[in-house]
C-alpha atoms as a PDB file:
ATOM      1  CA  GLU A   1      25.263 -21.332 -16.301  1.00  0.00           C
ATOM      2  CA  ASN A   2      24.127 -24.345 -14.285  1.00  0.00           C
ATOM      3  CA  PRO A   3      21.166 -23.183 -12.187  1.00  0.00           C
ATOM      4  CA  SER A   4      20.077 -25.220  -9.202  1.00  0.00           C
ATOM      5  CA  THR A   5      17.909 -24.741  -6.139  1.00  0.00           C
ATOM      6  CA  PRO A   6      20.840 -24.126  -3.726  1.00  0.00           C
ATOM      7  CA  THR A   7      22.452 -21.520  -5.997  1.00  0.00           C
ATOM      8  CA  ALA A   8      19.079 -19.849  -6.599  1.00  0.00           C
ATOM      9  CA  ILE A   9      18.421 -19.653  -2.845  1.00  0.00           C
ATOM     10  CA  ALA A  10      21.877 -18.158  -2.379  1.00  0.00           C
ATOM     11  CA  SER A  11      20.950 -15.547  -4.992  1.00  0.00           C
ATOM     12  CA  LEU A  12      17.780 -14.723  -3.074  1.00  0.00           C
ATOM     13  CA  LEU A  13      19.781 -14.316   0.121  1.00  0.00           C
ATOM     14  CA  CYS A  14      22.165 -11.935  -1.660  1.00  0.00           C
ATOM     15  CA  PHE A  15      19.552 -10.130  -3.750  1.00  0.00           C
ATOM     16  CA  GLU A  16      20.197  -6.398  -3.996  1.00  0.00           C
ATOM     17  CA  THR A  17      18.841  -3.499  -6.013  1.00  0.00           C
ATOM     18  CA  GLN A  18      21.330  -1.995  -8.457  1.00  0.00           C
ATOM     19  CA  SER A  19      20.255   1.583  -7.742  1.00  0.00           C
ATOM     20  CA  SER A  20      17.729   3.544  -5.726  1.00  0.00           C
ATOM     21  CA  SER A  21      15.891   4.513  -8.928  1.00  0.00           C
ATOM     22  CA  ILE A  22      15.390   1.010 -10.304  1.00  0.00           C
ATOM     23  CA  ASP A  23      12.020   0.305 -11.929  1.00  0.00           C
ATOM     24  CA  LEU A  24       9.780  -1.809  -9.687  1.00  0.00           C
ATOM     25  CA  LEU A  25       8.574  -4.188 -12.391  1.00  0.00           C
ATOM     26  CA  ALA A  26      12.109  -4.598 -13.720  1.00  0.00           C
ATOM     27  CA  LEU A  27      13.205  -5.588 -10.217  1.00  0.00           C
ATOM     28  CA  ILE A  28      10.400  -8.141  -9.969  1.00  0.00           C
ATOM     29  CA  ASP A  29      11.415  -9.529 -13.376  1.00  0.00           C
ATOM     30  CA  GLN A  30      14.947 -10.012 -12.051  1.00  0.00           C
ATOM     31  CA  LEU A  31      13.531 -11.801  -9.046  1.00  0.00           C
ATOM     32  CA  SER A  32      11.353 -14.045 -11.209  1.00  0.00           C
ATOM     33  CA  ASP A  33      14.445 -15.236 -13.094  1.00  0.00           C
ATOM     34  CA  ILE A  34      15.914 -16.397  -9.790  1.00  0.00           C
ATOM     35  CA  ALA A  35      12.594 -17.805  -8.591  1.00  0.00           C
ATOM     36  CA  ASN A  36      12.363 -19.969 -11.688  1.00  0.00           C
ATOM     37  CA  ASP A  37      15.382 -21.943 -10.467  1.00  0.00           C
ATOM     38  CA  VAL A  38      14.019 -22.525  -6.947  1.00  0.00           C
ATOM     39  CA  CYS A  39      12.396 -25.951  -7.242  1.00  0.00           C
ATOM     40  CA  ASP A  40      11.208 -28.687  -4.939  1.00  0.00           C
ATOM     41  CA  ASP A  41      14.082 -30.988  -5.770  1.00  0.00           C
ATOM     42  CA  ALA A  42      16.236 -30.985  -2.650  1.00  0.00           C
ATOM     43  CA  SER A  43      17.237 -34.123  -0.771  1.00  0.00           C
ATOM     44  CA  ASP A  44      16.547 -32.368   2.545  1.00  0.00           C
ATOM     45  CA  PRO A  45      13.375 -30.320   1.951  1.00  0.00           C
ATOM     46  CA  SER A  46      13.033 -29.075   5.549  1.00  0.00           C
ATOM     47  CA  ILE A  47      16.377 -27.283   5.463  1.00  0.00           C
ATOM     48  CA  MET A  48      15.801 -26.018   1.942  1.00  0.00           C
ATOM     49  CA  HIS A  49      12.390 -24.660   2.803  1.00  0.00           C
ATOM     50  CA  ALA A  50      13.863 -22.813   5.793  1.00  0.00           C
ATOM     51  CA  LEU A  51      16.669 -21.351   3.682  1.00  0.00           C
ATOM     52  CA  SER A  52      14.251 -20.533   0.895  1.00  0.00           C
ATOM     53  CA  LEU A  53      12.014 -18.657   3.329  1.00  0.00           C
ATOM     54  CA  ALA A  54      14.992 -16.651   4.580  1.00  0.00           C
ATOM     55  CA  GLY A  55      15.848 -15.836   0.968  1.00  0.00           C
ATOM     56  CA  TRP A  56      12.322 -14.702   0.186  1.00  0.00           C
ATOM     57  CA  ILE A  57      12.145 -12.549   3.315  1.00  0.00           C
ATOM     58  CA  HIS A  58      15.351 -10.800   2.261  1.00  0.00           C
ATOM     59  CA  SER A  59      14.530 -10.381  -1.442  1.00  0.00           C
ATOM     60  CA  ILE A  60      10.906  -9.320  -0.987  1.00  0.00           C
ATOM     61  CA  GLY A  61      12.178  -6.830   1.581  1.00  0.00           C
ATOM     62  CA  LYS A  62      14.158  -5.216  -1.246  1.00  0.00           C
ATOM     63  CA  VAL A  63      11.007  -5.101  -3.371  1.00  0.00           C
ATOM     64  CA  TRP A  64       9.108  -3.465  -0.504  1.00  0.00           C
ATOM     65  CA  SER A  65      11.845  -0.850  -0.136  1.00  0.00           C
ATOM     66  CA  VAL A  66      11.387   0.120  -3.794  1.00  0.00           C
ATOM     67  CA  ILE A  67       7.597   0.246  -3.360  1.00  0.00           C
ATOM     68  CA  ILE A  68       7.714   2.688  -0.446  1.00  0.00           C
ATOM     69  CA  THR A  69      10.331   4.908  -2.102  1.00  0.00           C
ATOM     70  CA  SER A  70       8.648   4.950  -5.527  1.00  0.00           C
ATOM     71  CA  GLU A  71       8.196   8.457  -6.933  1.00  0.00           C
ATOM     72  CA  ASP A  72       6.575   7.397 -10.210  1.00  0.00           C
ATOM     73  CA  SER A  73       3.260   6.375  -8.641  1.00  0.00           C
ATOM     74  CA  SER A  74       1.416   6.258  -5.355  1.00  0.00           C
ATOM     75  CA  LYS A  75       2.290   3.573  -2.837  1.00  0.00           C
ATOM     76  CA  GLU A  76      -1.071   1.936  -3.485  1.00  0.00           C
ATOM     77  CA  GLU A  77      -0.485   1.788  -7.234  1.00  0.00           C
ATOM     78  CA  ALA A  78       3.047   0.484  -6.782  1.00  0.00           C
ATOM     79  CA  LEU A  79       1.902  -2.212  -4.366  1.00  0.00           C
ATOM     80  CA  ARG A  80      -0.946  -3.245  -6.663  1.00  0.00           C
ATOM     81  CA  SER A  81       1.498  -3.530  -9.570  1.00  0.00           C
ATOM     82  CA  ALA A  82       3.873  -5.646  -7.475  1.00  0.00           C
ATOM     83  CA  ILE A  83       1.107  -8.008  -6.337  1.00  0.00           C
ATOM     84  CA  GLU A  84      -0.196  -8.475  -9.883  1.00  0.00           C
ATOM     85  CA  ALA A  85       3.311  -9.046 -11.271  1.00  0.00           C
ATOM     86  CA  ILE A  86       4.118 -11.685  -8.631  1.00  0.00           C
ATOM     87  CA  ARG A  87       0.712 -13.299  -9.122  1.00  0.00           C
ATOM     88  CA  ASP A  88       1.550 -13.681 -12.831  1.00  0.00           C
ATOM     89  CA  TRP A  89       4.516 -15.859 -11.866  1.00  0.00           C
ATOM     90  CA  ARG A  90       2.121 -18.774 -11.474  1.00  0.00           C
ATOM     91  CA  ASP A  91       1.850 -18.891 -15.282  1.00  0.00           C
ATOM     92  CA  ILE A  92       5.564 -18.632 -16.036  1.00  0.00           C
ATOM     93  CA  LEU A  93       7.512 -20.360 -13.257  1.00  0.00           C
ATOM     94  CA  GLN A  94       8.287 -24.057 -13.467  1.00  0.00           C
ATOM     95  CA  TYR A  95       7.482 -24.277  -9.731  1.00  0.00           C
ATOM     96  CA  SER A  96       4.458 -22.024  -9.235  1.00  0.00           C
ATOM     97  CA  ASP A  97       4.417 -22.345  -5.429  1.00  0.00           C
ATOM     98  CA  ASN A  98       7.109 -19.666  -5.389  1.00  0.00           C
ATOM     99  CA  ALA A  99       4.469 -17.123  -6.436  1.00  0.00           C
ATOM    100  CA  PHE A 100       2.329 -18.012  -3.422  1.00  0.00           C
ATOM    101  CA  LEU A 101       5.313 -17.917  -1.061  1.00  0.00           C
ATOM    102  CA  ALA A 102       6.446 -14.528  -2.379  1.00  0.00           C
ATOM    103  CA  LEU A 103       2.939 -13.119  -1.849  1.00  0.00           C
ATOM    104  CA  ALA A 104       2.787 -14.517   1.686  1.00  0.00           C
ATOM    105  CA  VAL A 105       6.109 -12.872   2.545  1.00  0.00           C
ATOM    106  CA  LEU A 106       5.018  -9.601   0.938  1.00  0.00           C
ATOM    107  CA  ALA A 107       1.952  -9.589   3.205  1.00  0.00           C
ATOM    108  CA  ILE A 108       4.294  -9.579   6.215  1.00  0.00           C
ATOM    109  CA  TYR A 109       5.801  -6.283   5.037  1.00  0.00           C
ATOM    110  CA  ILE A 110       2.531  -4.509   4.238  1.00  0.00           C
ATOM    111  CA  PRO A 111       1.351  -2.320   7.155  1.00  0.00           C
ATOM    112  CA  ASP A 112      -2.304  -1.813   7.997  1.00  0.00           C
ATOM    113  CA  THR A 113      -1.950   1.890   7.214  1.00  0.00           C
ATOM    114  CA  PHE A 114       0.638   3.977   5.433  1.00  0.00           C
ATOM    115  CA  ALA A 115       1.242   7.726   5.185  1.00  0.00           C
ATOM    116  CA  GLU A 116       1.723   8.657   1.512  1.00  0.00           C
ATOM    117  CA  THR A 117       3.334  12.010   2.336  1.00  0.00           C
ATOM    118  CA  SER A 118       3.779  14.206   5.360  1.00  0.00           C
ATOM    119  CA  GLU A 119       1.089  16.520   3.915  1.00  0.00           C
ATOM    120  CA  VAL A 120      -1.569  13.790   3.911  1.00  0.00           C
ATOM    121  CA  VAL A 121      -3.808  14.123   6.961  1.00  0.00           C
ATOM    122  CA  ALA A 122      -5.251  10.589   6.949  1.00  0.00           C
ATOM    123  CA  ASP A 123      -3.155   7.460   6.558  1.00  0.00           C
ATOM    124  CA  ILE A 124      -3.860   5.208   3.586  1.00  0.00           C
ATOM    125  CA  ASP A 125      -5.617   1.948   4.396  1.00  0.00           C
ATOM    126  CA  MET A 126      -3.344  -0.835   3.116  1.00  0.00           C
ATOM    127  CA  SER A 127      -5.048  -3.657   5.001  1.00  0.00           C
ATOM    128  CA  ARG A 128      -7.201  -4.566   2.002  1.00  0.00           C
ATOM    129  CA  PHE A 129      -4.101  -5.822   0.208  1.00  0.00           C
ATOM    130  CA  VAL A 130      -3.291  -8.060   3.170  1.00  0.00           C
ATOM    131  CA  ASP A 131      -6.902  -9.271   3.244  1.00  0.00           C
ATOM    132  CA  GLU A 132      -6.710 -10.061  -0.458  1.00  0.00           C
ATOM    133  CA  ILE A 133      -3.538 -12.131  -0.089  1.00  0.00           C
ATOM    134  CA  HIS A 134      -4.912 -13.865   3.005  1.00  0.00           C
ATOM    135  CA  THR A 135      -8.062 -14.943   1.154  1.00  0.00           C
ATOM    136  CA  GLU A 136      -6.151 -15.931  -1.977  1.00  0.00           C
ATOM    137  CA  LEU A 137      -3.784 -18.247  -0.103  1.00  0.00           C
ATOM    138  CA  LEU A 138      -6.522 -19.874   1.959  1.00  0.00           C
ATOM    139  CA  ASP A 139      -8.526 -20.479  -1.230  1.00  0.00           C
ATOM    140  CA  ALA A 140      -5.444 -21.861  -2.985  1.00  0.00           C
ATOM    141  CA  HIS A 141      -4.959 -24.346  -0.157  1.00  0.00           C
ATOM    142  CA  LYS A 142      -8.636 -25.284  -0.126  1.00  0.00           C
ATOM    143  CA  ASN A 143      -8.681 -25.808  -3.897  1.00  0.00           C
ATOM    144  CA  HIS A 144      -5.412 -27.807  -3.933  1.00  0.00           C
ATOM    145  CA  LEU A 145      -3.538 -25.288  -6.095  1.00  0.00           C
ATOM    146  CA  PHE A 146      -0.230 -25.766  -4.272  1.00  0.00           C
ATOM    147  CA  GLU A 147       2.195 -28.274  -5.736  1.00  0.00           C
ATOM    148  CA  ASN A 148       3.754 -28.974  -2.352  1.00  0.00           C
ATOM    149  CA  GLN A 149       1.668 -29.059   0.820  1.00  0.00           C
ATOM    150  CA  ASP A 150       4.661 -28.186   3.004  1.00  0.00           C
ATOM    151  CA  VAL A 151       4.973 -24.885   1.123  1.00  0.00           C
ATOM    152  CA  ALA A 152       1.212 -24.393   1.454  1.00  0.00           C
ATOM    153  CA  HIS A 153       1.429 -24.755   5.226  1.00  0.00           C
ATOM    154  CA  LEU A 154       4.430 -22.437   5.343  1.00  0.00           C
ATOM    155  CA  CYS A 155       2.369 -19.804   3.508  1.00  0.00           C
ATOM    156  CA  LEU A 156      -0.531 -20.311   5.901  1.00  0.00           C
ATOM    157  CA  GLY A 157       1.821 -19.866   8.838  1.00  0.00           C
ATOM    158  CA  LEU A 158       2.987 -16.556   7.381  1.00  0.00           C
ATOM    159  CA  ILE A 159      -0.510 -15.167   6.848  1.00  0.00           C
ATOM    160  CA  GLY A 160      -1.478 -16.385  10.314  1.00  0.00           C
ATOM    161  CA  LEU A 161       1.499 -14.483  11.677  1.00  0.00           C
ATOM    162  CA  ARG A 162       0.428 -11.395   9.723  1.00  0.00           C
ATOM    163  CA  ALA A 163      -3.119 -11.729  11.062  1.00  0.00           C
ATOM    164  CA  LEU A 164      -1.707 -11.690  14.589  1.00  0.00           C
ATOM    165  CA  ASN A 165       0.070  -8.430  13.819  1.00  0.00           C
ATOM    166  CA  SER A 166      -3.286  -6.931  12.850  1.00  0.00           C
ATOM    167  CA  ARG A 167      -4.992  -8.502  15.887  1.00  0.00           C
ATOM    168  CA  SER A 168      -7.318 -10.322  13.449  1.00  0.00           C
ATOM    169  CA  ILE A 169      -7.912 -13.106  15.924  1.00  0.00           C
ATOM    170  CA  SER A 170     -10.707 -14.788  13.958  1.00  0.00           C
ATOM    171  CA  ARG A 171      -8.365 -15.110  10.983  1.00  0.00           C
ATOM    172  CA  VAL A 172      -5.646 -16.520  13.200  1.00  0.00           C
ATOM    173  CA  ASP A 173      -8.092 -19.149  14.419  1.00  0.00           C
ATOM    174  CA  THR A 174      -9.035 -20.024  10.820  1.00  0.00           C
ATOM    175  CA  VAL A 175      -5.396 -20.571   9.914  1.00  0.00           C
ATOM    176  CA  LEU A 176      -4.732 -22.557  13.096  1.00  0.00           C
ATOM    177  CA  ASP A 177      -7.710 -24.830  12.455  1.00  0.00           C
ATOM    178  CA  THR A 178      -6.533 -25.413   8.882  1.00  0.00           C
ATOM    179  CA  LEU A 179      -2.984 -26.257   9.955  1.00  0.00           C
ATOM    180  CA  LEU A 180      -4.050 -28.468  12.854  1.00  0.00           C
ATOM    181  CA  SER A 181      -6.448 -30.418  10.644  1.00  0.00           C
ATOM    182  CA  SER A 182      -3.565 -31.038   8.225  1.00  0.00           C
ATOM    183  CA  ILE A 183      -1.494 -32.976  10.760  1.00  0.00           C
ATOM    184  CA  THR A 184      -1.281 -36.654   9.843  1.00  0.00           C
ATOM    185  CA  SER A 185       1.200 -39.331  10.837  1.00  0.00           C
ATOM    186  CA  TYR A 186       2.363 -39.943   7.287  1.00  0.00           C
ATOM    187  CA  GLY A 187       1.258 -36.803   5.511  1.00  0.00           C
ATOM    188  CA  SER A 188       2.350 -33.218   5.129  1.00  0.00           C
ATOM    189  CA  ASN A 189       4.247 -31.127   7.638  1.00  0.00           C
ATOM    190  CA  PRO A 190       2.427 -28.057   9.002  1.00  0.00           C
ATOM    191  CA  PHE A 191       4.671 -27.807  12.078  1.00  0.00           C
ATOM    192  CA  TYR A 192       6.861 -24.953  10.790  1.00  0.00           C
ATOM    193  CA  GLY A 193       3.795 -22.782  10.225  1.00  0.00           C
ATOM    194  CA  LEU A 194       2.381 -23.703  13.628  1.00  0.00           C
ATOM    195  CA  ALA A 195       5.700 -22.897  15.293  1.00  0.00           C
ATOM    196  CA  MET A 196       5.751 -19.395  13.789  1.00  0.00           C
ATOM    197  CA  ILE A 197       2.269 -18.679  15.104  1.00  0.00           C
ATOM    198  CA  CYS A 198       3.027 -20.173  18.539  1.00  0.00           C
ATOM    199  CA  GLN A 199       6.045 -17.924  18.941  1.00  0.00           C
ATOM    200  CA  ALA A 200       3.988 -14.858  18.075  1.00  0.00           C
ATOM    201  CA  LEU A 201       0.829 -15.712  20.026  1.00  0.00           C
ATOM    202  CA  PRO A 202       1.949 -13.799  23.154  1.00  0.00           C
ATOM    203  CA  LEU A 203       1.489 -10.631  21.082  1.00  0.00           C
ATOM    204  CA  ALA A 204      -2.225 -11.273  21.402  1.00  0.00           C
ATOM    205  CA  ARG A 205      -1.974 -10.164  25.034  1.00  0.00           C
ATOM    206  CA  LYS A 206      -1.604  -6.615  23.770  1.00  0.00           C
ATOM    207  CA  SER A 207      -4.988  -6.774  22.078  1.00  0.00           C
ATOM    208  CA  ALA A 208      -7.909  -5.476  24.088  1.00  0.00           C
ATOM    209  CA  LYS A 209     -10.174  -7.942  22.287  1.00  0.00           C
ATOM    210  CA  ASP A 210      -8.194 -10.981  23.343  1.00  0.00           C
ATOM    211  CA  SER A 211      -7.703 -12.142  26.918  1.00  0.00           C
ATOM    212  CA  GLY A 212      -4.878 -14.139  28.440  1.00  0.00           C
ATOM    213  CA  LYS A 213      -7.341 -17.004  28.871  1.00  0.00           C
ATOM    214  CA  ASP A 214      -8.053 -17.053  25.122  1.00  0.00           C
ATOM    215  CA  LEU A 215      -4.327 -17.077  24.439  1.00  0.00           C
ATOM    216  CA  GLN A 216      -3.869 -20.019  26.783  1.00  0.00           C
ATOM    217  CA  ARG A 217      -6.711 -21.847  25.054  1.00  0.00           C
ATOM    218  CA  ARG A 218      -5.046 -21.513  21.660  1.00  0.00           C
ATOM    219  CA  LEU A 219      -1.666 -22.621  22.948  1.00  0.00           C
ATOM    220  CA  CYS A 220      -3.201 -25.622  24.718  1.00  0.00           C
ATOM    221  CA  LYS A 221      -5.072 -26.519  21.560  1.00  0.00           C
ATOM    222  CA  ILE A 222      -1.863 -26.547  19.517  1.00  0.00           C
ATOM    223  CA  LEU A 223       0.247 -28.314  22.143  1.00  0.00           C
ATOM    224  CA  GLY A 224      -2.487 -30.882  22.758  1.00  0.00           C
ATOM    225  CA  LYS A 225      -2.658 -31.759  19.076  1.00  0.00           C
ATOM    226  CA  LEU A 226       1.120 -31.968  18.771  1.00  0.00           C
ATOM    227  CA  THR A 227       1.333 -34.202  21.854  1.00  0.00           C
ATOM    228  CA  GLU A 228      -1.378 -36.435  20.431  1.00  0.00           C
ATOM    229  CA  GLU A 229       0.562 -36.721  17.190  1.00  0.00           C
ATOM    230  CA  LEU A 230       3.791 -37.504  19.039  1.00  0.00           C
ATOM    231  CA  PHE A 231       2.191 -40.375  20.958  1.00  0.00           C
ATOM    232  CA  SER A 232       0.652 -41.636  17.743  1.00  0.00           C
ATOM    233  CA  CYS A 233       4.108 -41.792  16.149  1.00  0.00           C
ATOM    234  CA  LEU A 234       5.610 -43.556  19.186  1.00  0.00           C
ATOM    235  CA  GLU A 235       3.027 -46.312  18.915  1.00  0.00           C
ATOM    236  CA  PHE A 236       4.614 -47.393  15.661  1.00  0.00           C
ATOM    237  CA  GLN A 237       8.158 -47.626  17.052  1.00  0.00           C
END
C-alpha cells in the first residue's frame, strides 16, 4: 500500500516462486513490480546498494531456477526470453538502473556451457549470453546510460567477477581499467566493484593462461591506486 525502497528490497530478499510450474515471464513480471519500487532515494546509499544486491542475487536466483527447469522451451530459448524481458524494464521502471543490475546478476548464474538433457552429447554453449550482457553493460557505462554511477560500477564489478569465472582475463583487465579510472576524490564510488574482483582474483591462479606474477601485477595495480587515493584524501584533512 505504501511502497518504499526498504520494503521493496525486503521483498526481493524474500522473493519466492509460487509453484514449480510457474510461467517464466509471469515470474519476471512479478519481479518487475517489486523492482519498480527500488529507487535511489535512501539516506545511506552504500548500505542500500549492498542490501539491494543481496536481494537481486536471491530473486534472480529464483528466475534462474525456473529457466533451467523449464519444460515448455529449451534452456536457450528460456534464457533469451528472460534477458529480453528484463531488458524491457528500462522502458517501464521509474529507476531503470535496476534492469542493468538484474542483467549483471543474471550473468553470474549463467554457466559457460549447459547440458540440455542427458541424451545430448555436446553441451550447449551459453557463454554468448554472458558476452552479450558484458558488452551491453560496458557500452551502457561508456554512453552514460546509468542514472547512478555507483550502480554502474557495481554492475561492472559483477561482470568482472563473471569474466574471472570464465578465465576471460582480457575482459577482467578491461573492467579493472574502467573502474580504476573512475576513482576520484569527490566523485563516484567504484570500490565495491573493485573489492569483489580483488577477492576473486586468486581464482586466476587456476588458469593455465595466467601466471602468479600476472595476478600479483593486477593486485598491486589496484592496491597502488587505492593507496594513492587514500593519501589524496588525507591531504585535505
